[in-house]
């Protein structure tokens, strides 16, 4: 966090994705991208489901791209809070 000097932080090419509890404490993290084959590494299916249903996680199906290249966000009702 100190290295970023207040700027947003992206987590790219990580092994195990952060938990909802970790995300709740990291307000400067803008996005994360785990390696596809490592998503379940150290996590069961329920942990991954909980992560992607967390209110601060935006998934691809919630981003709508129109013909002009503009995007909007369509949040789903199933998001949970922690």
Protein backbone atom coordinates (compact mmCIF):
# COMPACT_ATOMS: atom_id res chain seq x y z
CA UNK A 1 0.00 0.00 0.00
CA UNK A 2 2.85 2.37 0.80
CA UNK A 3 4.47 1.74 -2.60
CA UNK A 4 1.26 2.83 -4.39
CA UNK A 5 1.36 6.22 -2.64
CA UNK A 6 -2.45 6.48 -2.51
CA UNK A 7 -3.03 5.33 -6.09
CA UNK A 8 -5.40 2.45 -7.01
CA UNK A 9 -3.86 -1.03 -6.99
CA UNK A 10 -4.56 -3.94 -9.36
CA UNK A 11 -3.73 -7.54 -8.52
CA UNK A 12 -2.77 -9.30 -11.73
CA UNK A 13 -1.76 -12.91 -12.33
CA UNK A 14 -2.24 -13.97 -8.74
CA UNK A 15 -2.57 -17.53 -7.48
CA UNK A 16 -5.36 -17.69 -4.93
CA UNK A 17 -7.84 -14.79 -5.15
CA UNK A 18 -8.45 -12.59 -2.09
CA UNK A 19 -11.30 -13.47 0.25
CA UNK A 20 -14.26 -11.12 0.83
CA UNK A 21 -12.79 -10.33 4.26
CA UNK A 22 -9.50 -9.22 2.72
CA UNK A 23 -11.30 -7.18 0.05
CA UNK A 24 -13.33 -5.42 2.75
CA UNK A 25 -10.08 -4.10 4.27
CA UNK A 26 -8.45 -3.02 0.98
CA UNK A 27 -10.28 0.01 -0.39
CA UNK A 28 -7.51 0.86 -2.88
CA UNK A 29 -7.67 -2.46 -4.75
CA UNK A 30 -9.47 -1.89 -8.04
CA UNK A 31 -9.47 -5.38 -9.56
CA UNK A 32 -7.92 -8.81 -9.34
CA UNK A 33 -7.15 -11.45 -11.96
CA UNK A 34 -6.14 -14.91 -10.80
CA UNK A 35 -4.62 -17.43 -13.16
CA UNK A 36 -7.53 -19.50 -14.49
CA UNK A 37 -6.20 -22.85 -13.39
CA UNK A 38 -5.28 -21.57 -9.93
CA UNK A 39 -8.67 -20.12 -8.94
CA UNK A 40 -9.52 -23.18 -6.86
CA UNK A 41 -5.99 -23.44 -5.47
CA UNK A 42 -6.50 -23.42 -1.72
CA UNK A 43 -10.20 -22.64 -2.17
CA UNK A 44 -13.22 -24.86 -2.51
CA UNK A 45 -16.14 -24.14 -4.83
CA UNK A 46 -18.12 -22.55 -1.97
CA UNK A 47 -15.32 -20.06 -1.21
CA UNK A 48 -15.14 -19.06 -4.88
CA UNK A 49 -18.93 -18.69 -5.06
CA UNK A 50 -18.89 -16.51 -1.93
CA UNK A 51 -16.14 -14.33 -3.42
CA UNK A 52 -17.92 -13.71 -6.72
CA UNK A 53 -21.21 -13.01 -4.95
CA UNK A 54 -19.57 -10.47 -2.64
CA UNK A 55 -21.01 -6.97 -3.06
CA UNK A 56 -17.65 -5.38 -3.94
CA UNK A 57 -16.89 -7.86 -6.73
CA UNK A 58 -18.11 -7.00 -10.22
CA UNK A 59 -18.35 -9.91 -12.65
CA UNK A 60 -18.36 -9.91 -16.46
CA UNK A 61 -22.07 -10.67 -16.68
CA UNK A 62 -22.82 -7.41 -14.83
CA UNK A 63 -21.04 -5.22 -17.41
CA UNK A 64 -23.15 -4.29 -20.44
CA UNK A 65 -21.31 -3.00 -23.54
CA UNK A 66 -23.39 -1.20 -26.16
CA UNK A 67 -22.71 -0.88 -29.92
CA UNK A 68 -20.88 2.42 -29.39
CA UNK A 69 -18.43 0.90 -26.92
CA UNK A 70 -20.03 2.48 -23.88
CA UNK A 71 -20.53 0.34 -20.84
CA UNK A 72 -22.97 0.30 -17.97
CA UNK A 73 -23.24 -1.81 -14.85
CA UNK A 74 -26.24 -4.02 -14.14
CA UNK A 75 -25.95 -5.28 -10.58
CA UNK A 76 -27.67 -8.51 -9.68
CA UNK A 77 -29.93 -8.92 -6.67
CA UNK A 78 -28.03 -11.93 -5.31
CA UNK A 79 -25.05 -9.96 -3.99
CA UNK A 80 -24.34 -10.55 -0.30
CA UNK A 81 -22.89 -8.25 2.32
CA UNK A 82 -20.23 -9.03 4.92
